[in-house]
């Protein structure tokens, strides 16, 4: 039968990683809510041409996609750093 390639141990950074995930989720939700708010309050504003021939809705939409990808990389980097730091502390105290 197939088993994990590495031994899975206790994740000492799980609580901090969860908090970080919630913080990033709230930040993204606020930025996305701004997009929805503009659409509800002043939909004509989303049709405003910016950066040449593109309208604000296209720029904002692509910005949301790029932001999600960047936040994913940030989350991964910070989680790796937290795991290394927290697991190192636990191993040195044993």
C-alpha atoms as a PDB file:
ATOM      1  CA  UNK A   1       0.000   0.000   0.000  1.00  0.00           C
ATOM      2  CA  UNK A   2       1.042   3.565  -0.555  1.00  0.00           C
ATOM      3  CA  UNK A   3       2.216   5.544   2.400  1.00  0.00           C
ATOM      4  CA  UNK A   4       3.530   9.092   2.779  1.00  0.00           C
ATOM      5  CA  UNK A   5       7.086   9.582   1.525  1.00  0.00           C
ATOM      6  CA  UNK A   6       7.986  11.388   4.726  1.00  0.00           C
ATOM      7  CA  UNK A   7       7.002  10.887   8.318  1.00  0.00           C
ATOM      8  CA  UNK A   8       4.227  13.303   9.213  1.00  0.00           C
ATOM      9  CA  UNK A   9       4.668  14.830  12.625  1.00  0.00           C
ATOM     10  CA  UNK A  10       2.847  17.382  14.730  1.00  0.00           C
ATOM     11  CA  UNK A  11       2.641  20.800  13.096  1.00  0.00           C
ATOM     12  CA  UNK A  12       3.626  23.208  15.856  1.00  0.00           C
ATOM     13  CA  UNK A  13       2.892  26.217  13.643  1.00  0.00           C
ATOM     14  CA  UNK A  14      -0.710  25.251  12.795  1.00  0.00           C
ATOM     15  CA  UNK A  15      -2.342  27.872  15.024  1.00  0.00           C
ATOM     16  CA  UNK A  16      -0.201  30.722  13.703  1.00  0.00           C
ATOM     17  CA  UNK A  17      -0.693  29.572  10.103  1.00  0.00           C
ATOM     18  CA  UNK A  18      -4.458  29.544  10.632  1.00  0.00           C
ATOM     19  CA  UNK A  19      -4.385  33.086  12.000  1.00  0.00           C
ATOM     20  CA  UNK A  20      -2.267  34.227   9.063  1.00  0.00           C
ATOM     21  CA  UNK A  21      -4.722  32.623   6.639  1.00  0.00           C
ATOM     22  CA  UNK A  22      -7.657  34.394   8.269  1.00  0.00           C
ATOM     23  CA  UNK A  23      -5.853  37.752   8.159  1.00  0.00           C
ATOM     24  CA  UNK A  24      -5.056  37.363   4.456  1.00  0.00           C
ATOM     25  CA  UNK A  25      -8.628  36.223   3.769  1.00  0.00           C
ATOM     26  CA  UNK A  26     -10.047  39.307   5.497  1.00  0.00           C
ATOM     27  CA  UNK A  27      -7.656  41.584   3.588  1.00  0.00           C
ATOM     28  CA  UNK A  28      -8.669  40.045   0.252  1.00  0.00           C
ATOM     29  CA  UNK A  29     -12.347  40.210   1.192  1.00  0.00           C
ATOM     30  CA  UNK A  30     -12.021  43.940   1.897  1.00  0.00           C
ATOM     31  CA  UNK A  31     -10.391  44.585  -1.487  1.00  0.00           C
ATOM     32  CA  UNK A  32     -13.023  42.464  -3.248  1.00  0.00           C
ATOM     33  CA  UNK A  33     -15.789  44.215  -1.307  1.00  0.00           C
ATOM     34  CA  UNK A  34     -14.499  47.511  -2.709  1.00  0.00           C
ATOM     35  CA  UNK A  35     -15.068  46.146  -6.218  1.00  0.00           C
ATOM     36  CA  UNK A  36     -18.593  45.024  -5.350  1.00  0.00           C
ATOM     37  CA  UNK A  37     -19.316  48.314  -3.573  1.00  0.00           C
ATOM     38  CA  UNK A  38     -18.294  50.328  -6.633  1.00  0.00           C
ATOM     39  CA  UNK A  39     -20.527  48.117  -8.759  1.00  0.00           C
ATOM     40  CA  UNK A  40     -23.492  48.711  -6.459  1.00  0.00           C
ATOM     41  CA  UNK A  41     -23.057  52.415  -5.800  1.00  0.00           C
ATOM     42  CA  UNK A  42     -21.692  53.732  -9.099  1.00  0.00           C
ATOM     43  CA  UNK A  43     -21.648  51.131 -11.899  1.00  0.00           C
ATOM     44  CA  UNK A  44     -20.724  53.792 -14.459  1.00  0.00           C
ATOM     45  CA  UNK A  45     -17.424  54.259 -12.633  1.00  0.00           C
ATOM     46  CA  UNK A  46     -16.453  50.690 -13.565  1.00  0.00           C
ATOM     47  CA  UNK A  47     -16.831  51.704 -17.210  1.00  0.00           C
ATOM     48  CA  UNK A  48     -14.342  54.552 -16.821  1.00  0.00           C
ATOM     49  CA  UNK A  49     -11.386  54.144 -19.200  1.00  0.00           C
ATOM     50  CA  UNK A  50      -8.036  53.912 -17.429  1.00  0.00           C
ATOM     51  CA  UNK A  51      -4.606  52.831 -18.688  1.00  0.00           C
ATOM     52  CA  UNK A  52      -5.453  53.429 -22.300  1.00  0.00           C
ATOM     53  CA  UNK A  53      -8.484  51.619 -23.665  1.00  0.00           C
ATOM     54  CA  UNK A  54      -9.199  49.331 -20.710  1.00  0.00           C
ATOM     55  CA  UNK A  55     -11.998  50.133 -18.307  1.00  0.00           C
ATOM     56  CA  UNK A  56     -11.736  50.092 -14.532  1.00  0.00           C
ATOM     57  CA  UNK A  57     -13.661  46.834 -14.143  1.00  0.00           C
ATOM     58  CA  UNK A  58     -11.126  44.924 -16.258  1.00  0.00           C
ATOM     59  CA  UNK A  59      -8.150  46.444 -14.456  1.00  0.00           C
ATOM     60  CA  UNK A  60      -9.715  45.878 -11.026  1.00  0.00           C
ATOM     61  CA  UNK A  61     -10.708  42.306 -11.941  1.00  0.00           C
ATOM     62  CA  UNK A  62      -7.247  41.370 -13.162  1.00  0.00           C
ATOM     63  CA  UNK A  63      -5.829  43.121 -10.108  1.00  0.00           C
ATOM     64  CA  UNK A  64      -7.932  40.878  -7.885  1.00  0.00           C
ATOM     65  CA  UNK A  65      -6.613  37.789  -9.664  1.00  0.00           C
ATOM     66  CA  UNK A  66      -2.998  38.956  -9.381  1.00  0.00           C
ATOM     67  CA  UNK A  67      -3.538  39.901  -5.737  1.00  0.00           C
ATOM     68  CA  UNK A  68      -4.856  36.412  -4.961  1.00  0.00           C
ATOM     69  CA  UNK A  69      -1.799  34.818  -6.573  1.00  0.00           C
ATOM     70  CA  UNK A  70       0.622  37.150  -4.790  1.00  0.00           C
ATOM     71  CA  UNK A  71      -1.127  36.550  -1.467  1.00  0.00           C
ATOM     72  CA  UNK A  72      -0.800  32.806  -2.064  1.00  0.00           C
ATOM     73  CA  UNK A  73       2.953  33.153  -2.518  1.00  0.00           C
ATOM     74  CA  UNK A  74       3.191  35.369   0.573  1.00  0.00           C
ATOM     75  CA  UNK A  75       1.173  32.857   2.597  1.00  0.00           C
ATOM     76  CA  UNK A  76       3.383  29.992   1.446  1.00  0.00           C
ATOM     77  CA  UNK A  77       6.614  31.849   2.229  1.00  0.00           C
ATOM     78  CA  UNK A  78       5.442  32.953   5.671  1.00  0.00           C
ATOM     79  CA  UNK A  79       4.107  29.500   6.527  1.00  0.00           C
ATOM     80  CA  UNK A  80       7.397  27.871   5.556  1.00  0.00           C
ATOM     81  CA  UNK A  81       9.254  30.356   7.727  1.00  0.00           C
ATOM     82  CA  UNK A  82       6.865  29.738  10.648  1.00  0.00           C
ATOM     83  CA  UNK A  83       7.167  25.959  10.300  1.00  0.00           C
ATOM     84  CA  UNK A  84      10.963  26.101  10.262  1.00  0.00           C
ATOM     85  CA  UNK A  85      11.057  28.424  13.266  1.00  0.00           C
ATOM     86  CA  UNK A  86       8.441  26.606  15.371  1.00  0.00           C
ATOM     87  CA  UNK A  87       9.663  23.085  14.606  1.00  0.00           C
ATOM     88  CA  UNK A  88      13.263  24.121  15.305  1.00  0.00           C
ATOM     89  CA  UNK A  89      12.262  25.426  18.733  1.00  0.00           C
ATOM     90  CA  UNK A  90      10.427  22.199  19.593  1.00  0.00           C
ATOM     91  CA  UNK A  91      13.294  19.972  18.409  1.00  0.00           C
ATOM     92  CA  UNK A  92      15.915  21.928  20.365  1.00  0.00           C
ATOM     93  CA  UNK A  93      13.878  21.736  23.571  1.00  0.00           C
ATOM     94  CA  UNK A  94      13.666  17.944  23.399  1.00  0.00           C
END
